Protein backbone atom coordinates (compact mmCIF):
# COMPACT_ATOMS: atom_id res chain seq x y z
CA UNK A 1 18.46 21.93 -52.32
CA UNK A 2 17.34 21.73 -48.65
CA UNK A 3 16.39 18.51 -46.87
CA UNK A 4 13.76 18.32 -44.07
CA UNK A 5 16.05 17.15 -41.28
CA UNK A 6 15.03 15.22 -38.16
CA UNK A 7 14.97 17.21 -34.96
CA UNK A 8 13.86 17.21 -31.32
CA UNK A 9 12.48 20.32 -29.54
CA UNK A 10 12.84 20.67 -25.78
CA UNK A 11 11.33 23.33 -23.50
CA UNK A 12 13.20 25.91 -21.56
CA UNK A 13 12.31 29.01 -19.49
CA UNK A 14 9.43 31.10 -20.77
CA UNK A 15 10.51 34.42 -22.19
CA UNK A 16 14.11 33.36 -23.07
CA UNK A 17 15.41 35.70 -25.74
CA UNK A 18 16.72 32.91 -27.99
CA UNK A 19 16.62 29.19 -28.63
CA UNK A 20 19.67 26.93 -28.56
CA UNK A 21 20.18 24.96 -31.78
CA UNK A 22 22.58 22.10 -31.33
CA UNK A 23 24.60 20.80 -34.33
CA UNK A 24 26.49 17.53 -33.98
CA UNK A 25 29.71 16.58 -35.68
CA UNK A 26 30.83 14.29 -38.54
CA UNK A 27 29.23 10.80 -38.58
CA UNK A 28 27.28 11.42 -35.38
CA UNK A 29 23.71 12.41 -34.50
CA UNK A 30 21.62 14.70 -32.21
CA UNK A 31 21.88 12.19 -29.37
CA UNK A 32 25.47 13.35 -28.98
CA UNK A 33 24.17 16.24 -26.85
CA UNK A 34 22.36 14.33 -24.06
CA UNK A 35 24.91 15.16 -21.27
CA UNK A 36 24.48 18.89 -21.61
CA UNK A 37 20.75 19.06 -22.17
CA UNK A 38 19.64 19.51 -18.54
CA UNK A 39 22.01 22.47 -18.06
CA UNK A 40 21.16 24.15 -21.37
CA UNK A 41 17.41 23.79 -20.79
CA UNK A 42 17.74 25.81 -17.60
CA UNK A 43 18.95 28.67 -19.81
CA UNK A 44 16.76 28.51 -22.90
CA UNK A 45 14.61 26.13 -25.04
CA UNK A 46 16.71 23.67 -27.11
CA UNK A 47 16.36 22.24 -30.64
CA UNK A 48 18.58 19.27 -31.60
CA UNK A 49 19.25 18.61 -35.29
CA UNK A 50 20.31 15.55 -37.24
CA UNK A 51 22.27 16.77 -40.26
CA UNK A 52 21.28 15.35 -43.66
CA UNK A 53 22.31 11.68 -43.99
CA UNK A 54 22.95 11.46 -40.24
CA UNK A 55 20.85 10.06 -37.42
CA UNK A 56 17.19 9.94 -38.55
CA UNK A 57 17.52 12.54 -41.36
CA UNK A 58 17.18 11.59 -45.00
CA UNK A 59 20.25 11.95 -47.20
CA UNK A 60 20.52 14.87 -49.58
CA UNK A 61 21.93 15.10 -53.11
CA UNK A 62 25.28 16.15 -51.69
CA UNK A 63 27.05 17.11 -48.49
CA UNK A 64 28.32 20.52 -49.51
CA UNK A 65 28.71 22.90 -46.59
CA UNK A 66 26.30 25.61 -47.81
CA UNK A 67 23.54 23.05 -48.41
CA UNK A 68 24.01 21.38 -45.03
CA UNK A 69 23.90 24.84 -43.34
CA UNK A 70 20.81 25.75 -45.34
CA UNK A 71 19.00 22.68 -43.95
CA UNK A 72 19.54 24.03 -40.40
CA UNK A 73 18.37 27.50 -41.41
CA UNK A 74 15.24 26.09 -43.07
CA UNK A 75 14.41 24.12 -39.90
CA UNK A 76 14.70 27.25 -37.76
CA UNK A 77 12.42 29.06 -40.13
CA UNK A 78 9.81 26.28 -40.11
CA UNK A 79 9.81 26.21 -36.34
CA UNK A 80 9.65 30.04 -36.09
CA UNK A 81 12.64 30.15 -33.73
CA UNK A 82 13.58 33.74 -34.25
CA UNK A 83 17.08 34.43 -32.96
CA UNK A 84 19.15 31.38 -32.03
CA UNK A 85 22.38 30.50 -30.28
CA UNK A 86 24.14 27.85 -32.27
CA UNK A 87 26.03 25.25 -30.18
CA UNK A 88 28.14 22.96 -32.41
CA UNK A 89 30.78 20.24 -32.13
CA UNK A 90 33.66 19.37 -34.37
CA UNK A 91 32.55 19.53 -38.05
CA UNK A 92 29.19 20.80 -36.90
CA UNK A 93 31.03 23.97 -35.99
CA UNK A 94 31.75 24.58 -39.66
CA UNK A 95 28.03 24.29 -40.39
CA UNK A 96 27.21 26.73 -37.56
CA UNK A 97 29.97 29.17 -38.59
CA UNK A 98 28.84 29.18 -42.21
CA UNK A 99 25.23 29.79 -41.17
CA UNK A 100 26.33 32.56 -38.83
CA UNK A 101 28.23 34.31 -41.60
CA UNK A 102 25.28 33.99 -44.00
CA UNK A 103 22.48 34.92 -41.51
CA UNK A 104 24.02 37.04 -38.79
CA UNK A 105 20.78 38.84 -37.99
CA UNK A 106 19.25 35.48 -36.91
CA UNK A 107 22.22 34.22 -34.85
CA UNK A 108 22.62 35.70 -31.45
CA UNK A 109 25.83 33.71 -30.76
CA UNK A 110 27.91 30.80 -31.79
CA UNK A 111 29.57 28.20 -29.40
CA UNK A 112 32.06 25.92 -31.14
CA UNK A 113 33.22 22.91 -29.13
CA UNK A 114 36.61 21.57 -30.31
CA UNK A 115 35.81 22.84 -33.83
CA UNK A 116 37.15 21.32 -36.99
CA UNK A 117 37.77 24.68 -38.58
CA UNK A 118 41.20 26.23 -38.65
CA UNK A 119 43.40 23.08 -38.58
CA UNK A 120 47.07 23.67 -39.36
CA UNK A 121 47.74 23.74 -43.07
CA UNK A 122 50.41 21.05 -42.62
CA UNK A 123 47.62 18.67 -41.62
CA UNK A 124 46.37 18.66 -45.20
CA UNK A 125 48.30 15.53 -46.16
CA UNK A 126 46.99 13.63 -43.18
CA UNK A 127 43.39 14.70 -43.97
CA UNK A 128 43.88 13.75 -47.65
CA UNK A 129 44.98 10.29 -46.50
CA UNK A 130 41.77 9.83 -44.49
CA UNK A 131 39.75 11.03 -47.47
CA UNK A 132 41.41 8.56 -49.79
CA UNK A 133 40.61 5.75 -47.38
CA UNK A 134 36.98 6.88 -47.25
CA UNK A 135 36.85 6.69 -51.03
CA UNK A 136 38.39 3.21 -51.25
CA UNK A 137 37.07 1.44 -48.12
CA UNK A 138 33.89 1.18 -46.07
CA UNK A 139 33.39 4.78 -44.84
CA UNK A 140 31.67 3.68 -41.63
CA UNK A 141 34.52 1.34 -40.72
CA UNK A 142 37.05 4.07 -41.44
CA UNK A 143 35.12 6.57 -39.28
CA UNK A 144 34.92 4.04 -36.42
CA UNK A 145 38.68 3.52 -36.59
CA UNK A 146 39.29 7.28 -36.80
CA UNK A 147 37.29 7.91 -33.63
CA UNK A 148 38.85 5.03 -31.75
CA UNK A 149 42.36 6.30 -32.56
CA UNK A 150 41.69 9.80 -31.15
CA UNK A 151 41.26 9.00 -27.50
CA UNK A 152 38.05 8.00 -25.67
CA UNK A 153 35.08 8.35 -28.02
CA UNK A 154 31.64 7.83 -26.56
CA UNK A 155 29.17 5.50 -28.18
CA UNK A 156 25.89 7.09 -29.14
CA UNK A 157 23.05 6.48 -26.71
CA UNK A 158 20.57 3.90 -27.86
CA UNK A 159 22.85 2.49 -30.59
CA UNK A 160 26.04 1.28 -28.93
CA UNK A 161 27.89 2.53 -31.97
CA UNK A 162 30.38 5.36 -32.66
CA UNK A 163 28.75 6.18 -36.05
CA UNK A 164 25.22 7.21 -36.84
CA UNK A 165 25.30 8.15 -40.51
CA UNK A 166 24.88 6.63 -43.95
CA UNK A 167 28.15 5.57 -45.60
CA UNK A 168 27.80 8.09 -48.39
CA UNK A 169 27.18 10.94 -45.82
CA UNK A 170 30.21 9.83 -43.80
CA UNK A 171 32.43 9.90 -46.88
CA UNK A 172 31.09 13.04 -48.56
CA UNK A 173 30.76 15.30 -45.48
CA UNK A 174 34.41 14.60 -44.58
CA UNK A 175 35.71 15.28 -48.12
CA UNK A 176 33.44 18.24 -49.01
CA UNK A 177 33.98 20.08 -45.65
CA UNK A 178 37.81 19.68 -45.97
CA UNK A 179 38.32 20.30 -49.66
CA UNK A 180 35.15 21.90 -51.04
CA UNK A 181 35.26 25.37 -52.55
CA UNK A 182 33.55 26.89 -49.47
CA UNK A 183 35.81 25.05 -46.93
CA UNK A 184 37.14 26.73 -43.79
CA UNK A 185 38.86 23.63 -42.56
CA UNK A 186 42.48 24.78 -42.69
CA UNK A 187 44.09 27.80 -41.01
CA UNK A 188 44.68 29.75 -44.24
CA UNK A 189 40.98 29.37 -45.14
CA UNK A 190 39.80 30.13 -41.61
CA UNK A 191 41.80 33.37 -41.42
CA UNK A 192 39.96 34.71 -44.42
CA UNK A 193 36.55 33.33 -43.37
CA UNK A 194 36.61 34.73 -39.79
CA UNK A 195 37.94 38.16 -40.62
CA UNK A 196 35.29 40.59 -39.41
CA UNK A 197 33.12 37.66 -38.21
CA UNK A 198 29.67 39.25 -37.41
CA UNK A 199 28.48 37.02 -34.57
CA UNK A 200 29.76 36.72 -30.98
CA UNK A 201 31.76 33.52 -30.77
CA UNK A 202 32.91 31.18 -27.91
CA UNK A 203 35.42 28.52 -29.03
CA UNK A 204 36.18 25.71 -26.61
CA UNK A 205 39.32 23.64 -27.15
CA UNK A 206 40.76 20.58 -25.55
CA UNK A 207 44.37 21.81 -25.19
CA UNK A 208 46.49 24.93 -25.18
CA UNK A 209 48.05 24.21 -28.52
CA UNK A 210 44.70 24.21 -30.40
CA UNK A 211 43.60 27.34 -28.50
CA UNK A 212 46.81 29.19 -29.40
CA UNK A 213 46.34 28.41 -33.05
CA UNK A 214 42.71 29.55 -32.87
CA UNK A 215 43.70 32.94 -31.50
CA UNK A 216 45.49 33.57 -34.77
CA UNK A 217 42.22 33.89 -36.60
CA UNK A 218 39.62 34.35 -33.85
CA UNK A 219 40.91 37.66 -32.56
CA UNK A 220 37.49 38.87 -31.35
CA UNK A 221 36.28 35.57 -29.88
CA UNK A 222 36.23 34.20 -26.41
CA UNK A 223 38.66 31.21 -26.52
CA UNK A 224 38.67 28.78 -23.62
CA UNK A 225 40.48 25.49 -22.87
CA UNK A 226 38.45 22.89 -20.94
CA UNK A 227 39.55 19.46 -19.65
CA UNK A 228 38.86 16.27 -21.50
CA UNK A 229 39.30 15.21 -25.10
CA UNK A 230 37.41 15.86 -28.33
CA UNK A 231 34.04 15.15 -26.59
CA UNK A 232 34.47 17.40 -23.63
CA UNK A 233 30.70 17.95 -23.49
CA UNK A 234 30.45 14.25 -22.65
CA UNK A 235 33.29 14.12 -20.14
CA UNK A 236 32.73 17.51 -18.43
CA UNK A 237 29.17 18.69 -19.32
CA UNK A 238 28.95 20.93 -16.26
CA UNK A 239 32.12 22.86 -17.34
CA UNK A 240 30.76 23.24 -20.85
CA UNK A 241 27.38 24.61 -19.68
CA UNK A 242 29.10 26.98 -17.28
CA UNK A 243 31.33 28.26 -20.06
CA UNK A 244 28.28 28.83 -22.27
CA UNK A 245 26.44 30.60 -19.49
CA UNK A 246 29.42 32.89 -18.86
CA UNK A 247 29.67 33.70 -22.54
CA UNK A 248 25.96 34.58 -22.73
CA UNK A 249 26.12 36.82 -19.61
CA UNK A 250 29.20 38.68 -20.88
CA UNK A 251 27.52 39.20 -24.23
CA UNK A 252 24.25 40.24 -22.59
CA UNK A 253 22.12 37.48 -24.07
CA UNK A 254 21.38 35.35 -21.01
CA UNK A 255 17.88 34.10 -20.50
CA UNK A 256 17.92 32.72 -16.96
CA UNK A 257 20.96 31.64 -15.05
CA UNK A 258 21.72 27.92 -15.00
């Protein structure tokens, strides 16, 4: 069920004890990570992934969370990465969290930037409304409107667009990640999923309200609030890299200091 996903591999310090694997969010691509690459490469080598149906990756037969996560695991195996630190944004954090739960011996740490997991259960009706629009309308147009309505949303380098995914992937990832049988999108699901979570976790949020909610189910995680909006790694890349470096030092997994 896995798809050979597109990727980019960038060097870092020799002898680093892990490789960063960067996982973008819904309807985006690996180019989302450009602002933080110089800082992360001073810590460890970096691999950037395009999820199936996104960026330059071929679509798969579905967008179920376990299959999307398996693509990332298969890439890490093909590249012989050994232990990795997953850095993920938005819906990509659900992919990284699922992989961390399934393969904890291979994941040295997880960094989730404004993750989509653990949304309030009362948000379900709003999410269902977006899902229904994605079914009835052009999914790419709906995604563009969704991003534009949620504060400043950066266009992807080289495209000038907010969206870098096939229409079917835009529609199916949103719906499957929110309502699939393996979903961890809503708070009640996240509480069960993250109980006894086996991997060190840093969760970065854009406001105190989201961070407060996260602490209800991420009791053992490092939870931080950084300035900016949903794309804080675009607006404040230095703060994001510094938070990741602090997390790695505290957990004893630093390669070289940034």
